[in-house]
Amino acid sequence: NLRVQPSTIVGVVGDLVDSESALAFKEFLASKGSPHIFMDSSHSILADDLSGTYRFNTTIAKLEEADVVLLIGVDTRHEASMINVRLRKRYLEGCFEIGSIGDDVHLTFPVNRLGFGIATLERVVRGRDSFCKHLAQAKNPVIICGSSIFERGTGSKNVVKLLSTLRNNIPNLV
């Protein structure tokens, strides 16, 4: 019967693991007495406060009340299909603006392509993009951020700071 001290157990989370699974794994390790978890570079920003990185500012059902959505580094069609379905439903109802920072992905609804990468995010955070007027005037704006924005080699700490500033600058964020 092999006995292992909990303090010697280390969990490893790879590139293909989603945030919810990584959180469950982290909590499992903690329940066994190990606070040690190693995450690859694309998940490294998640290590300290994992739950704060996968939760967004509304429930999936509340997306149907949104009037403006900003997608940042996310392909909802392939990464979050339930969110994509709700966004499409909301788009079909009308009076709805969607902006996207990141790869040119093919969603099931039209999107205002704002640009690609950290420079575009900085422009939006500073209010220097035409899409910013939609965010400022929105009654129920929503931001949905994916992990790919952290994979650009631009420095995760800088991205987190920009996202925090953006969140604080948008009135009425649900």
N, C-alpha and C. Protein backbone atom coordinates (compact mmCIF):
# COMPACT_ATOMS: atom_id res chain seq x y z
N ASN A 1 0.85 -1.18 0.00
CA ASN A 1 0.00 0.00 0.00
C ASN A 1 0.89 1.24 0.00
N LEU A 2 0.89 1.96 -1.09
CA LEU A 2 1.72 3.14 -1.26
C LEU A 2 1.07 4.35 -0.60
N ARG A 3 1.83 5.05 0.20
CA ARG A 3 1.33 6.26 0.87
C ARG A 3 2.07 7.48 0.33
N VAL A 4 1.31 8.48 -0.06
CA VAL A 4 1.89 9.70 -0.61
C VAL A 4 1.43 10.88 0.23
N GLN A 5 2.36 11.75 0.56
CA GLN A 5 2.01 12.95 1.29
C GLN A 5 1.30 13.93 0.35
N PRO A 6 0.14 14.47 0.74
CA PRO A 6 -0.59 15.40 -0.13
C PRO A 6 0.26 16.59 -0.61
N SER A 7 1.16 17.05 0.21
CA SER A 7 1.98 18.20 -0.17
C SER A 7 2.94 17.89 -1.31
N THR A 8 3.11 16.61 -1.64
CA THR A 8 4.01 16.24 -2.74
C THR A 8 3.27 16.02 -4.06
N ILE A 9 1.95 16.12 -4.04
CA ILE A 9 1.16 15.92 -5.25
C ILE A 9 1.07 17.23 -6.03
N VAL A 10 1.33 17.16 -7.32
CA VAL A 10 1.22 18.33 -8.20
C VAL A 10 0.32 17.96 -9.36
N GLY A 11 -0.67 18.80 -9.64
CA GLY A 11 -1.55 18.60 -10.79
C GLY A 11 -1.03 19.38 -11.98
N VAL A 12 -1.21 18.84 -13.17
CA VAL A 12 -0.77 19.49 -14.40
C VAL A 12 -1.98 19.67 -15.31
N VAL A 13 -2.18 20.90 -15.78
CA VAL A 13 -3.29 21.22 -16.68
C VAL A 13 -2.69 21.62 -18.02
N GLY A 14 -3.10 20.92 -19.06
CA GLY A 14 -2.55 21.17 -20.40
C GLY A 14 -3.37 22.14 -21.21
N ASP A 15 -2.91 22.35 -22.41
CA ASP A 15 -3.48 23.35 -23.33
C ASP A 15 -4.90 23.04 -23.78
N LEU A 16 -5.31 21.79 -23.80
CA LEU A 16 -6.62 21.43 -24.31
C LEU A 16 -7.70 21.33 -23.24
N VAL A 17 -7.36 21.69 -22.01
CA VAL A 17 -8.31 21.59 -20.90
C VAL A 17 -9.08 22.91 -20.79
N ASP A 18 -10.42 22.81 -20.70
CA ASP A 18 -11.22 24.02 -20.54
C ASP A 18 -11.14 24.51 -19.10
N SER A 19 -11.53 25.75 -18.88
CA SER A 19 -11.40 26.38 -17.56
C SER A 19 -12.22 25.69 -16.49
N GLU A 20 -13.43 25.25 -16.84
CA GLU A 20 -14.28 24.60 -15.85
C GLU A 20 -13.64 23.30 -15.35
N SER A 21 -13.06 22.53 -16.26
CA SER A 21 -12.38 21.29 -15.87
C SER A 21 -11.14 21.58 -15.05
N ALA A 22 -10.41 22.63 -15.43
CA ALA A 22 -9.22 23.02 -14.67
C ALA A 22 -9.61 23.42 -13.25
N LEU A 23 -10.72 24.15 -13.10
CA LEU A 23 -11.19 24.55 -11.78
C LEU A 23 -11.58 23.32 -10.96
N ALA A 24 -12.31 22.39 -11.56
CA ALA A 24 -12.71 21.17 -10.85
C ALA A 24 -11.48 20.38 -10.40
N PHE A 25 -10.47 20.31 -11.27
CA PHE A 25 -9.24 19.61 -10.93
C PHE A 25 -8.51 20.31 -9.79
N LYS A 26 -8.46 21.63 -9.84
CA LYS A 26 -7.81 22.40 -8.78
C LYS A 26 -8.52 22.17 -7.44
N GLU A 27 -9.86 22.17 -7.46
CA GLU A 27 -10.63 21.94 -6.24
C GLU A 27 -10.45 20.51 -5.73
N PHE A 28 -10.37 19.55 -6.65
CA PHE A 28 -10.11 18.16 -6.26
C PHE A 28 -8.76 18.04 -5.54
N LEU A 29 -7.74 18.64 -6.14
CA LEU A 29 -6.41 18.60 -5.50
C LEU A 29 -6.45 19.23 -4.12
N ALA A 30 -7.14 20.37 -4.00
CA ALA A 30 -7.23 21.05 -2.71
C ALA A 30 -7.95 20.17 -1.68
N SER A 31 -8.97 19.43 -2.11
CA SER A 31 -9.70 18.56 -1.19
C SER A 31 -8.83 17.41 -0.68
N LYS A 32 -7.80 17.06 -1.45
CA LYS A 32 -6.88 16.00 -1.06
C LYS A 32 -5.68 16.55 -0.28
N GLY A 33 -5.64 17.88 -0.14
CA GLY A 33 -4.57 18.50 0.64
C GLY A 33 -3.41 19.05 -0.16
N SER A 34 -3.56 19.14 -1.47
CA SER A 34 -2.48 19.68 -2.30
C SER A 34 -2.89 21.00 -2.92
N PRO A 35 -2.14 22.06 -2.63
CA PRO A 35 -2.43 23.35 -3.25
C PRO A 35 -1.66 23.55 -4.56
N HIS A 36 -0.96 22.52 -5.02
CA HIS A 36 -0.04 22.67 -6.15
C HIS A 36 -0.70 22.29 -7.47
N ILE A 37 -0.72 23.27 -8.38
CA ILE A 37 -1.22 23.01 -9.72
C ILE A 37 -0.34 23.77 -10.70
N PHE A 38 0.06 23.09 -11.75
CA PHE A 38 0.88 23.70 -12.79
C PHE A 38 0.04 23.82 -14.05
N MET A 39 0.05 25.03 -14.64
CA MET A 39 -0.71 25.24 -15.86
C MET A 39 0.23 25.71 -16.95
N ASP A 40 -0.03 25.26 -18.18
CA ASP A 40 0.82 25.68 -19.29
C ASP A 40 0.70 27.19 -19.50
N SER A 41 1.48 27.73 -20.42
CA SER A 41 1.55 29.18 -20.58
C SER A 41 0.22 29.82 -20.95
N SER A 42 -0.62 29.15 -21.71
CA SER A 42 -1.88 29.78 -22.10
C SER A 42 -2.88 29.82 -20.95
N HIS A 43 -2.68 29.00 -19.92
CA HIS A 43 -3.56 29.01 -18.75
C HIS A 43 -2.90 29.67 -17.55
N SER A 44 -1.66 30.12 -17.67
CA SER A 44 -0.93 30.60 -16.51
C SER A 44 -1.61 31.76 -15.81
N ILE A 45 -2.32 32.60 -16.55
CA ILE A 45 -3.01 33.73 -15.95
C ILE A 45 -4.16 33.26 -15.07
N LEU A 46 -4.62 32.04 -15.27
CA LEU A 46 -5.73 31.50 -14.51
C LEU A 46 -5.32 30.93 -13.16
N ALA A 47 -4.05 30.77 -12.93
CA ALA A 47 -3.59 30.02 -11.77
C ALA A 47 -4.01 30.62 -10.44
N ASP A 48 -3.98 31.93 -10.29
CA ASP A 48 -4.27 32.52 -9.00
C ASP A 48 -5.76 32.59 -8.68
N ASP A 49 -6.56 33.11 -9.59
CA ASP A 49 -7.99 33.23 -9.36
C ASP A 49 -8.72 32.62 -10.54
N LEU A 50 -8.75 31.32 -10.58
CA LEU A 50 -9.30 30.61 -11.73
C LEU A 50 -10.74 30.96 -12.01
N SER A 51 -11.57 31.04 -10.98
CA SER A 51 -12.99 31.28 -11.21
C SER A 51 -13.26 32.65 -11.81
N GLY A 52 -12.44 33.62 -11.50
CA GLY A 52 -12.64 34.96 -12.04
C GLY A 52 -12.38 35.05 -13.53
N THR A 53 -11.74 34.05 -14.09
CA THR A 53 -11.41 34.11 -15.50
C THR A 53 -12.40 33.38 -16.39
N TYR A 54 -13.19 32.47 -15.83
CA TYR A 54 -14.13 31.77 -16.71
C TYR A 54 -15.56 32.27 -16.54
N ARG A 55 -15.84 32.97 -15.49
CA ARG A 55 -17.17 33.52 -15.32
C ARG A 55 -17.30 34.80 -16.13
N PHE A 56 -18.44 34.99 -16.74
CA PHE A 56 -18.63 36.28 -17.38
C PHE A 56 -19.69 37.05 -16.62
N ASN A 57 -19.96 38.26 -17.07
CA ASN A 57 -20.73 39.17 -16.25
C ASN A 57 -22.24 38.99 -16.30
N THR A 58 -22.71 37.89 -16.83
CA THR A 58 -24.15 37.63 -16.86
C THR A 58 -24.38 36.13 -16.96
N THR A 59 -25.63 35.73 -16.85
CA THR A 59 -25.96 34.32 -17.07
C THR A 59 -26.20 34.11 -18.57
N ILE A 60 -26.19 32.86 -18.99
CA ILE A 60 -26.45 32.57 -20.40
C ILE A 60 -27.85 33.03 -20.79
N ALA A 61 -28.83 32.81 -19.94
CA ALA A 61 -30.20 33.23 -20.24
C ALA A 61 -30.30 34.75 -20.36
N LYS A 62 -29.54 35.49 -19.57
CA LYS A 62 -29.59 36.95 -19.60
C LYS A 62 -29.01 37.52 -20.89
N LEU A 63 -28.28 36.72 -21.66
CA LEU A 63 -27.76 37.20 -22.94
C LEU A 63 -28.88 37.67 -23.85
N GLU A 64 -30.06 37.10 -23.68
CA GLU A 64 -31.20 37.48 -24.50
C GLU A 64 -31.71 38.88 -24.19
N GLU A 65 -31.24 39.48 -23.09
CA GLU A 65 -31.60 40.85 -22.74
C GLU A 65 -30.54 41.85 -23.18
N ALA A 66 -29.40 41.37 -23.64
CA ALA A 66 -28.32 42.25 -24.04
C ALA A 66 -28.69 43.06 -25.28
N ASP A 67 -28.17 44.28 -25.35
CA ASP A 67 -28.36 45.07 -26.55
C ASP A 67 -27.04 45.30 -27.29
N VAL A 68 -25.92 45.10 -26.61
CA VAL A 68 -24.59 45.19 -27.21
C VAL A 68 -23.71 44.11 -26.60
N VAL A 69 -22.98 43.40 -27.45
CA VAL A 69 -22.03 42.39 -26.98
C VAL A 69 -20.69 42.64 -27.63
N LEU A 70 -19.63 42.57 -26.82
CA LEU A 70 -18.27 42.65 -27.33
C LEU A 70 -17.60 41.30 -27.10
N LEU A 71 -17.22 40.64 -28.20
CA LEU A 71 -16.51 39.37 -28.14
C LEU A 71 -15.02 39.67 -28.23
N ILE A 72 -14.25 39.14 -27.30
CA ILE A 72 -12.81 39.38 -27.29
C ILE A 72 -12.09 38.04 -27.31
N GLY A 73 -11.46 37.74 -28.44
CA GLY A 73 -10.67 36.51 -28.54
C GLY A 73 -11.46 35.24 -28.34
N VAL A 74 -12.67 35.19 -28.87
CA VAL A 74 -13.49 34.00 -28.67
C VAL A 74 -14.27 33.68 -29.95
N ASP A 75 -14.37 32.40 -30.23
CA ASP A 75 -15.20 31.89 -31.32
C ASP A 75 -16.35 31.15 -30.65
N THR A 76 -17.44 31.87 -30.39
CA THR A 76 -18.54 31.26 -29.64
C THR A 76 -19.16 30.07 -30.36
N ARG A 77 -19.08 30.04 -31.66
CA ARG A 77 -19.66 28.93 -32.41
C ARG A 77 -18.98 27.61 -32.06
N HIS A 78 -17.67 27.62 -31.88
CA HIS A 78 -16.93 26.40 -31.59
C HIS A 78 -16.53 26.25 -30.13
N GLU A 79 -16.36 27.36 -29.41
CA GLU A 79 -15.89 27.30 -28.03
C GLU A 79 -17.02 27.33 -27.01
N ALA A 80 -18.14 27.92 -27.36
CA ALA A 80 -19.24 28.07 -26.41
C ALA A 80 -20.57 28.05 -27.17
N SER A 81 -20.94 26.88 -27.64
CA SER A 81 -22.09 26.78 -28.54
C SER A 81 -23.39 27.25 -27.91
N MET A 82 -23.59 27.04 -26.62
CA MET A 82 -24.83 27.50 -25.98
C MET A 82 -24.89 29.03 -25.97
N ILE A 83 -23.77 29.65 -25.75
CA ILE A 83 -23.71 31.12 -25.81
C ILE A 83 -23.99 31.58 -27.23
N ASN A 84 -23.41 30.90 -28.19
CA ASN A 84 -23.62 31.26 -29.59
C ASN A 84 -25.11 31.17 -29.97
N VAL A 85 -25.78 30.13 -29.50
CA VAL A 85 -27.22 29.97 -29.79
C VAL A 85 -28.01 31.14 -29.21
N ARG A 86 -27.68 31.53 -28.00
CA ARG A 86 -28.40 32.66 -27.37
C ARG A 86 -28.10 33.97 -28.11
N LEU A 87 -26.86 34.16 -28.53
CA LEU A 87 -26.52 35.37 -29.27
C LEU A 87 -27.25 35.42 -30.61
N ARG A 88 -27.33 34.28 -31.28
CA ARG A 88 -28.05 34.24 -32.56
C ARG A 88 -29.53 34.54 -32.34
N LYS A 89 -30.11 33.96 -31.32
CA LYS A 89 -31.52 34.21 -31.01
C LYS A 89 -31.73 35.71 -30.76
N ARG A 90 -30.83 36.30 -30.00
CA ARG A 90 -30.95 37.73 -29.70
C ARG A 90 -30.77 38.57 -30.97
N TYR A 91 -29.83 38.19 -31.83
CA TYR A 91 -29.62 38.89 -33.10
C TYR A 91 -30.89 38.87 -33.95
N LEU A 92 -31.57 37.74 -34.03
CA LEU A 92 -32.77 37.59 -34.84
C LEU A 92 -33.92 38.47 -34.34
N GLU A 93 -33.88 38.85 -33.07
CA GLU A 93 -34.91 39.72 -32.51
C GLU A 93 -34.70 41.18 -32.93
N GLY A 94 -33.49 41.54 -33.33
CA GLY A 94 -33.20 42.90 -33.78
C GLY A 94 -32.70 43.83 -32.70
N CYS A 95 -32.32 45.05 -33.12
CA CYS A 95 -31.80 46.09 -32.21
C CYS A 95 -30.66 45.54 -31.36
N PHE A 96 -29.66 44.99 -32.01
CA PHE A 96 -28.58 44.29 -31.31
C PHE A 96 -27.28 44.50 -32.07
N GLU A 97 -26.24 44.92 -31.37
CA GLU A 97 -24.92 45.14 -31.96
C GLU A 97 -23.92 44.15 -31.37
N ILE A 98 -23.09 43.58 -32.22
CA ILE A 98 -22.05 42.66 -31.76
C ILE A 98 -20.73 43.11 -32.39
N GLY A 99 -19.73 43.32 -31.54
CA GLY A 99 -18.39 43.65 -32.00
C GLY A 99 -17.45 42.52 -31.64
N SER A 100 -16.39 42.36 -32.42
CA SER A 100 -15.45 41.27 -32.17
C SER A 100 -14.01 41.73 -32.34
N ILE A 101 -13.20 41.40 -31.34
CA ILE A 101 -11.76 41.60 -31.41
C ILE A 101 -11.14 40.21 -31.47
N GLY A 102 -10.38 39.93 -32.52
CA GLY A 102 -9.74 38.62 -32.63
C GLY A 102 -9.82 38.07 -34.03
N ASP A 103 -9.62 36.78 -34.12
CA ASP A 103 -9.62 36.09 -35.41
C ASP A 103 -10.93 36.31 -36.16
N ASP A 104 -10.87 36.29 -37.47
CA ASP A 104 -12.05 36.41 -38.31
C ASP A 104 -12.73 35.04 -38.35
N VAL A 105 -13.67 34.84 -37.43
CA VAL A 105 -14.37 33.55 -37.33
C VAL A 105 -15.75 33.68 -37.97
N HIS A 106 -16.28 32.57 -38.38
CA HIS A 106 -17.59 32.54 -39.03
C HIS A 106 -18.64 32.11 -38.03
N LEU A 107 -19.35 33.08 -37.50
CA LEU A 107 -20.40 32.81 -36.53
C LEU A 107 -21.73 32.68 -37.27
N THR A 108 -22.80 32.49 -36.56
CA THR A 108 -24.10 32.30 -37.19
C THR A 108 -24.90 33.60 -37.22
N PHE A 109 -24.20 34.72 -37.09
CA PHE A 109 -24.80 36.04 -37.12
C PHE A 109 -23.71 37.03 -37.52
N PRO A 110 -24.10 38.19 -38.06
CA PRO A 110 -23.08 39.17 -38.47
C PRO A 110 -22.43 39.84 -37.26
N VAL A 111 -21.17 40.18 -37.43
CA VAL A 111 -20.38 40.77 -36.36
C VAL A 111 -19.59 41.95 -36.92
N ASN A 112 -19.49 43.04 -36.16
CA ASN A 112 -18.62 44.16 -36.51
C ASN A 112 -17.19 43.76 -36.17
N ARG A 113 -16.35 43.57 -37.16
CA ARG A 113 -14.95 43.19 -36.93
C ARG A 113 -14.18 44.45 -36.57
N LEU A 114 -13.73 44.52 -35.32
CA LEU A 114 -13.03 45.70 -34.84
C LEU A 114 -11.54 45.64 -35.12
N GLY A 115 -11.02 44.44 -35.22
CA GLY A 115 -9.59 44.26 -35.46
C GLY A 115 -9.08 43.02 -34.78
N PHE A 116 -7.76 42.94 -34.75
CA PHE A 116 -7.11 41.72 -34.29
C PHE A 116 -6.02 42.10 -33.28
N GLY A 117 -6.07 41.56 -32.09
CA GLY A 117 -4.96 41.69 -31.16
C GLY A 117 -5.04 42.82 -30.16
N ILE A 118 -3.93 42.96 -29.45
CA ILE A 118 -3.84 43.87 -28.31
C ILE A 118 -4.01 45.33 -28.70
N ALA A 119 -3.55 45.72 -29.88
CA ALA A 119 -3.68 47.12 -30.31
C ALA A 119 -5.15 47.50 -30.45
N THR A 120 -5.96 46.60 -30.96
CA THR A 120 -7.39 46.85 -31.09
C THR A 120 -8.04 46.94 -29.72
N LEU A 121 -7.67 46.03 -28.82
CA LEU A 121 -8.20 46.07 -27.46
C LEU A 121 -7.85 47.39 -26.79
N GLU A 122 -6.62 47.84 -26.95
CA GLU A 122 -6.21 49.13 -26.37
C GLU A 122 -7.03 50.27 -26.95
N ARG A 123 -7.28 50.26 -28.25
CA ARG A 123 -8.07 51.30 -28.90
C ARG A 123 -9.49 51.34 -28.33
N VAL A 124 -10.09 50.18 -28.12
CA VAL A 124 -11.45 50.12 -27.56
C VAL A 124 -11.44 50.58 -26.11
N VAL A 125 -10.47 50.15 -25.34
CA VAL A 125 -10.39 50.55 -23.93
C VAL A 125 -10.26 52.06 -23.80
N ARG A 126 -9.52 52.68 -24.71
CA ARG A 126 -9.32 54.13 -24.67
C ARG A 126 -10.46 54.91 -25.34
N GLY A 127 -11.47 54.21 -25.83
CA GLY A 127 -12.62 54.87 -26.42
C GLY A 127 -12.37 55.43 -27.81
N ARG A 128 -11.39 54.89 -28.51
CA ARG A 128 -11.00 55.41 -29.82
C ARG A 128 -11.47 54.53 -30.98
N ASP A 129 -12.54 53.81 -30.78
CA ASP A 129 -13.11 52.97 -31.83
C ASP A 129 -14.57 53.34 -31.98
N SER A 130 -15.07 53.31 -33.19
CA SER A 130 -16.48 53.68 -33.42
C SER A 130 -17.45 52.78 -32.67
N PHE A 131 -17.03 51.55 -32.36
CA PHE A 131 -17.91 50.64 -31.62
C PHE A 131 -18.13 51.11 -30.18
N CYS A 132 -17.23 51.93 -29.67
CA CYS A 132 -17.33 52.40 -28.29
C CYS A 132 -18.62 53.16 -28.02
N LYS A 133 -19.15 53.86 -29.05
CA LYS A 133 -20.40 54.59 -28.84
C LYS A 133 -21.54 53.62 -28.54
N HIS A 134 -21.53 52.44 -29.15
CA HIS A 134 -22.55 51.43 -28.86
C HIS A 134 -22.43 50.96 -27.41
N LEU A 135 -21.20 50.73 -26.96
CA LEU A 135 -20.97 50.28 -25.58
C LEU A 135 -21.43 51.35 -24.59
N ALA A 136 -21.11 52.61 -24.87
CA ALA A 136 -21.46 53.70 -23.96
C ALA A 136 -22.96 53.93 -23.88
N GLN A 137 -23.67 53.71 -24.97
CA GLN A 137 -25.11 53.96 -25.01
C GLN A 137 -25.95 52.73 -24.64
N ALA A 138 -25.31 51.59 -24.50
CA ALA A 138 -26.05 50.35 -24.24
C ALA A 138 -26.71 50.35 -22.87
N LYS A 139 -27.90 49.77 -22.83
CA LYS A 139 -28.60 49.60 -21.55
C LYS A 139 -28.17 48.30 -20.88
N ASN A 140 -27.85 47.28 -21.70
CA ASN A 140 -27.45 45.97 -21.18
C ASN A 140 -26.26 45.42 -21.96
N PRO A 141 -25.09 46.05 -21.84
CA PRO A 141 -23.92 45.55 -22.58
C PRO A 141 -23.33 44.31 -21.92
N VAL A 142 -22.70 43.47 -22.73
CA VAL A 142 -22.06 42.25 -22.24
C VAL A 142 -20.70 42.12 -22.92
N ILE A 143 -19.70 41.69 -22.16
CA ILE A 143 -18.37 41.38 -22.70
C ILE A 143 -18.16 39.89 -22.53
N ILE A 144 -17.73 39.23 -23.61
CA ILE A 144 -17.39 37.80 -23.54
C ILE A 144 -15.95 37.67 -24.02
N CYS A 145 -15.10 37.19 -23.14
CA CYS A 145 -13.67 37.11 -23.43
C CYS A 145 -13.22 35.66 -23.44
N GLY A 146 -12.48 35.29 -24.48
CA GLY A 146 -11.92 33.94 -24.57
C GLY A 146 -10.45 33.94 -24.21
N SER A 147 -9.86 32.78 -24.16
CA SER A 147 -8.45 32.66 -23.74
C SER A 147 -7.45 33.01 -24.83
N SER A 148 -7.88 33.07 -26.09
CA SER A 148 -6.91 33.30 -27.16
C SER A 148 -6.24 34.67 -27.07
N ILE A 149 -6.89 35.63 -26.43
CA ILE A 149 -6.29 36.96 -26.28
C ILE A 149 -5.02 36.89 -25.43
N PHE A 150 -4.92 35.86 -24.59
CA PHE A 150 -3.74 35.69 -23.74
C PHE A 150 -2.61 34.95 -24.45
N GLU A 151 -2.88 34.42 -25.64
CA GLU A 151 -1.91 33.59 -26.35
C GLU A 151 -1.15 34.34 -27.44
N ARG A 152 -1.24 35.62 -27.46
CA ARG A 152 -0.62 36.41 -28.52
C ARG A 152 0.81 36.82 -28.21
N GLY A 153 1.32 36.46 -27.05
CA GLY A 153 2.68 36.85 -26.67
C GLY A 153 2.78 38.31 -26.29
N THR A 154 1.64 38.91 -25.89
CA THR A 154 1.64 40.33 -25.56
C THR A 154 1.75 40.59 -24.07
N GLY A 155 1.81 39.57 -23.27
CA GLY A 155 1.89 39.76 -21.83
C GLY A 155 0.52 39.68 -21.20
N SER A 156 0.26 38.59 -20.51
CA SER A 156 -1.05 38.36 -19.91
C SER A 156 -1.42 39.42 -18.90
N LYS A 157 -0.44 39.91 -18.14
CA LYS A 157 -0.73 40.93 -17.13
C LYS A 157 -1.28 42.20 -17.78
N ASN A 158 -0.72 42.59 -18.92
CA ASN A 158 -1.19 43.77 -19.64
C ASN A 158 -2.61 43.56 -20.15
N VAL A 159 -2.90 42.37 -20.66
CA VAL A 159 -4.25 42.07 -21.15
C VAL A 159 -5.25 42.12 -20.01
N VAL A 160 -4.91 41.53 -18.88
CA VAL A 160 -5.81 41.54 -17.72
C VAL A 160 -6.07 42.97 -17.27
N LYS A 161 -5.05 43.79 -17.26
CA LYS A 161 -5.21 45.20 -16.87
C LYS A 161 -6.14 45.93 -17.85
N LEU A 162 -5.96 45.70 -19.15
CA LEU A 162 -6.83 46.33 -20.15
C LEU A 162 -8.28 45.87 -19.99
N LEU A 163 -8.48 44.58 -19.78
CA LEU A 163 -9.83 44.06 -19.62
C LEU A 163 -10.49 44.63 -18.37
N SER A 164 -9.73 44.76 -17.31
CA SER A 164 -10.25 45.33 -16.07
C SER A 164 -10.65 46.79 -16.28
N THR A 165 -9.81 47.54 -16.98
CA THR A 165 -10.12 48.94 -17.29
C THR A 165 -11.38 49.03 -18.15
N LEU A 166 -11.48 48.17 -19.15
CA LEU A 166 -12.65 48.16 -20.03
C LEU A 166 -13.91 47.89 -19.22
N ARG A 167 -13.85 46.88 -18.39
CA ARG A 167 -15.01 46.53 -17.56
C ARG A 167 -15.43 47.69 -16.68
N ASN A 168 -14.46 48.38 -16.09
CA ASN A 168 -14.77 49.51 -15.20
C ASN A 168 -15.29 50.73 -15.96
N ASN A 169 -14.97 50.84 -17.25
CA ASN A 169 -15.36 52.00 -18.04
C ASN A 169 -16.73 51.89 -18.69
N ILE A 170 -17.31 50.71 -18.69
CA ILE A 170 -18.58 50.51 -19.39
C ILE A 170 -19.74 50.62 -18.39
N PRO A 171 -20.55 51.66 -18.55
CA PRO A 171 -21.70 51.80 -17.66
C PRO A 171 -22.74 50.71 -17.98
N ASN A 172 -23.52 50.36 -16.99
CA ASN A 172 -24.65 49.42 -17.15
C ASN A 172 -24.23 47.99 -17.48
N LEU A 173 -22.98 47.63 -17.27
CA LEU A 173 -22.55 46.27 -17.58
C LEU A 173 -23.35 45.29 -16.74
N VAL A 174 -24.03 44.34 -17.42
CA VAL A 174 -24.88 43.38 -16.70
C VAL A 174 -24.08 42.17 -16.25
